[in-house]
N, C-alpha and C. Protein backbone atom coordinates (compact mmCIF):
# COMPACT_ATOMS: atom_id res chain seq x y z
N MET A 1 30.40 -18.91 -23.29
CA MET A 1 30.39 -18.00 -22.17
C MET A 1 31.42 -16.91 -22.44
N ALA A 2 30.99 -15.69 -22.27
CA ALA A 2 31.88 -14.54 -22.46
C ALA A 2 32.45 -14.12 -21.11
N ASN A 3 33.56 -13.41 -21.15
CA ASN A 3 34.15 -12.84 -19.95
C ASN A 3 34.17 -11.32 -20.09
N TYR A 4 33.94 -10.64 -18.98
CA TYR A 4 33.99 -9.18 -18.93
C TYR A 4 35.01 -8.80 -17.87
N HIS A 5 35.94 -7.92 -18.23
CA HIS A 5 36.97 -7.47 -17.30
C HIS A 5 36.67 -6.03 -16.92
N THR A 6 36.46 -5.78 -15.63
CA THR A 6 36.15 -4.43 -15.19
C THR A 6 37.38 -3.55 -15.34
N THR A 7 37.15 -2.31 -15.74
CA THR A 7 38.25 -1.37 -15.96
C THR A 7 38.27 -0.26 -14.91
N ALA A 8 37.21 -0.13 -14.15
CA ALA A 8 37.12 0.86 -13.07
C ALA A 8 36.01 0.37 -12.15
N ASP A 9 35.72 1.14 -11.13
CA ASP A 9 34.58 0.77 -10.28
C ASP A 9 33.33 0.81 -11.13
N GLU A 10 32.71 -0.34 -11.34
CA GLU A 10 31.55 -0.44 -12.22
C GLU A 10 30.39 -1.08 -11.48
N HIS A 11 29.18 -0.68 -11.85
CA HIS A 11 27.97 -1.23 -11.25
C HIS A 11 27.60 -2.54 -11.95
N LEU A 12 27.38 -3.57 -11.15
CA LEU A 12 27.06 -4.88 -11.71
C LEU A 12 25.79 -4.84 -12.54
N ASP A 13 24.77 -4.13 -12.07
CA ASP A 13 23.52 -4.09 -12.82
C ASP A 13 23.70 -3.41 -14.17
N ALA A 14 24.58 -2.43 -14.27
CA ALA A 14 24.83 -1.76 -15.55
C ALA A 14 25.57 -2.68 -16.51
N ILE A 15 26.51 -3.44 -16.00
CA ILE A 15 27.24 -4.41 -16.83
C ILE A 15 26.26 -5.43 -17.40
N VAL A 16 25.40 -5.96 -16.54
CA VAL A 16 24.43 -6.98 -16.95
C VAL A 16 23.43 -6.41 -17.96
N ALA A 17 22.92 -5.21 -17.70
CA ALA A 17 21.96 -4.58 -18.62
C ALA A 17 22.60 -4.30 -19.97
N PHE A 18 23.86 -3.88 -19.98
CA PHE A 18 24.55 -3.60 -21.24
C PHE A 18 24.74 -4.88 -22.05
N TYR A 19 25.15 -5.96 -21.39
CA TYR A 19 25.44 -7.21 -22.10
C TYR A 19 24.19 -7.95 -22.54
N TYR A 20 23.20 -8.05 -21.66
CA TYR A 20 22.00 -8.86 -21.95
C TYR A 20 20.82 -8.02 -22.44
N GLY A 21 20.84 -6.72 -22.20
CA GLY A 21 19.71 -5.86 -22.55
C GLY A 21 18.88 -5.55 -21.31
N VAL A 22 18.32 -4.37 -21.28
CA VAL A 22 17.58 -3.90 -20.11
C VAL A 22 16.39 -4.81 -19.80
N GLU A 23 15.70 -5.27 -20.83
CA GLU A 23 14.50 -6.09 -20.61
C GLU A 23 14.79 -7.45 -19.98
N LYS A 24 16.03 -7.92 -20.06
CA LYS A 24 16.41 -9.22 -19.48
C LYS A 24 17.28 -9.06 -18.24
N ALA A 25 17.50 -7.84 -17.79
CA ALA A 25 18.51 -7.58 -16.76
C ALA A 25 18.24 -8.29 -15.43
N ASN A 26 17.00 -8.29 -14.93
CA ASN A 26 16.75 -8.92 -13.64
C ASN A 26 16.99 -10.42 -13.67
N THR A 27 16.55 -11.07 -14.73
CA THR A 27 16.78 -12.51 -14.87
C THR A 27 18.26 -12.78 -15.10
N ALA A 28 18.89 -11.98 -15.94
CA ALA A 28 20.31 -12.17 -16.24
C ALA A 28 21.18 -11.96 -15.01
N LEU A 29 20.78 -11.07 -14.13
CA LEU A 29 21.54 -10.82 -12.91
C LEU A 29 21.64 -12.10 -12.08
N ARG A 30 20.57 -12.83 -11.96
CA ARG A 30 20.59 -14.11 -11.23
C ARG A 30 21.54 -15.09 -11.91
N ILE A 31 21.51 -15.16 -13.23
CA ILE A 31 22.37 -16.07 -13.98
C ILE A 31 23.85 -15.71 -13.77
N VAL A 32 24.16 -14.42 -13.81
CA VAL A 32 25.54 -13.96 -13.63
C VAL A 32 26.01 -14.23 -12.20
N LEU A 33 25.17 -13.98 -11.21
CA LEU A 33 25.55 -14.25 -9.82
C LEU A 33 25.74 -15.75 -9.57
N ASP A 34 24.92 -16.58 -10.21
CA ASP A 34 25.09 -18.03 -10.08
C ASP A 34 26.40 -18.50 -10.71
N ALA A 35 26.80 -17.88 -11.81
CA ALA A 35 28.04 -18.25 -12.50
C ALA A 35 29.28 -17.69 -11.81
N ASN A 36 29.08 -16.68 -10.96
CA ASN A 36 30.19 -16.02 -10.26
C ASN A 36 29.88 -15.93 -8.77
N PRO A 37 29.96 -17.03 -8.04
CA PRO A 37 29.52 -17.05 -6.64
C PRO A 37 30.22 -16.03 -5.74
N ARG A 38 31.46 -15.70 -6.00
CA ARG A 38 32.20 -14.75 -5.16
C ARG A 38 31.91 -13.30 -5.50
N LEU A 39 31.22 -13.07 -6.58
CA LEU A 39 30.93 -11.71 -7.02
C LEU A 39 30.06 -10.95 -6.03
N ALA A 40 29.19 -11.64 -5.33
CA ALA A 40 28.29 -11.00 -4.37
C ALA A 40 29.05 -10.34 -3.22
N TYR A 41 30.24 -10.79 -2.92
CA TYR A 41 31.03 -10.20 -1.84
C TYR A 41 31.41 -8.74 -2.13
N PHE A 42 31.49 -8.37 -3.40
CA PHE A 42 31.85 -7.00 -3.75
C PHE A 42 30.68 -6.04 -3.55
N GLY A 43 29.47 -6.56 -3.56
CA GLY A 43 28.31 -5.68 -3.50
C GLY A 43 27.94 -5.22 -4.91
N VAL A 44 27.30 -4.08 -5.00
CA VAL A 44 26.82 -3.58 -6.29
C VAL A 44 27.96 -3.04 -7.15
N ILE A 45 28.94 -2.40 -6.53
CA ILE A 45 30.05 -1.81 -7.28
C ILE A 45 31.22 -2.79 -7.30
N ILE A 46 31.63 -3.14 -8.51
CA ILE A 46 32.70 -4.11 -8.72
C ILE A 46 33.99 -3.33 -9.00
N PRO A 47 35.06 -3.61 -8.26
CA PRO A 47 36.31 -2.86 -8.46
C PRO A 47 37.03 -3.23 -9.76
N LYS A 48 38.00 -2.43 -10.10
CA LYS A 48 38.82 -2.64 -11.29
C LYS A 48 39.55 -3.97 -11.22
N GLY A 49 39.64 -4.65 -12.37
CA GLY A 49 40.44 -5.87 -12.47
C GLY A 49 39.71 -7.17 -12.18
N VAL A 50 38.41 -7.12 -12.01
CA VAL A 50 37.64 -8.33 -11.74
C VAL A 50 37.13 -8.91 -13.06
N THR A 51 37.28 -10.21 -13.25
CA THR A 51 36.75 -10.89 -14.43
C THR A 51 35.39 -11.49 -14.07
N ILE A 52 34.39 -11.15 -14.87
CA ILE A 52 33.03 -11.63 -14.64
C ILE A 52 32.65 -12.56 -15.79
N LYS A 53 32.20 -13.76 -15.45
CA LYS A 53 31.72 -14.70 -16.45
C LYS A 53 30.29 -14.30 -16.83
N LEU A 54 30.03 -14.20 -18.12
CA LEU A 54 28.70 -13.85 -18.62
C LEU A 54 28.17 -15.02 -19.45
N PRO A 55 27.43 -15.94 -18.80
CA PRO A 55 26.92 -17.11 -19.51
C PRO A 55 25.85 -16.75 -20.53
N ALA A 56 25.60 -17.67 -21.43
CA ALA A 56 24.52 -17.48 -22.41
C ALA A 56 23.19 -17.42 -21.68
N PHE A 57 22.28 -16.62 -22.20
CA PHE A 57 20.95 -16.49 -21.61
C PHE A 57 20.17 -17.76 -21.93
N PRO A 58 19.58 -18.41 -20.92
CA PRO A 58 18.89 -19.69 -21.17
C PRO A 58 17.58 -19.49 -21.93
N SER A 59 17.19 -20.51 -22.64
CA SER A 59 15.92 -20.45 -23.37
C SER A 59 14.74 -20.73 -22.45
N THR A 60 14.98 -21.37 -21.30
CA THR A 60 13.91 -21.63 -20.34
C THR A 60 13.85 -20.50 -19.32
N ALA A 61 12.70 -20.31 -18.73
CA ALA A 61 12.50 -19.22 -17.78
C ALA A 61 13.29 -19.44 -16.50
N VAL A 62 13.91 -18.37 -16.02
CA VAL A 62 14.63 -18.35 -14.76
C VAL A 62 14.09 -17.18 -13.97
N ARG A 63 13.86 -17.37 -12.69
CA ARG A 63 13.33 -16.28 -11.88
C ARG A 63 14.42 -15.23 -11.66
N GLY A 64 14.08 -13.97 -11.87
CA GLY A 64 15.02 -12.88 -11.75
C GLY A 64 15.24 -12.45 -10.32
N VAL A 65 16.21 -11.56 -10.14
CA VAL A 65 16.53 -10.99 -8.84
C VAL A 65 16.82 -9.52 -9.04
N ALA A 66 16.43 -8.69 -8.10
CA ALA A 66 16.70 -7.25 -8.15
C ALA A 66 17.66 -6.91 -7.02
N LEU A 67 18.56 -5.98 -7.26
CA LEU A 67 19.50 -5.57 -6.23
C LEU A 67 18.81 -4.68 -5.19
N TRP A 68 17.71 -4.07 -5.56
CA TRP A 68 16.91 -3.24 -4.67
C TRP A 68 15.49 -3.22 -5.18
N ASP A 69 14.54 -2.80 -4.35
CA ASP A 69 13.12 -2.75 -4.76
C ASP A 69 12.82 -1.51 -5.55
């Protein structure tokens, strides 16, 4: 599991897309939110100084989540 430390106000979906790739972003977002239960309290924009756990992408299918439609 990797850790990501925010350096400024950053968008969670951009962090996830950068780390996992755009094609896996919706599924990876669910994985990241599950690994970081308190992260949802920040909303879409994560402030400076937050450490985000980035777990390995599972080999089995996981249903994705979108922050908006």
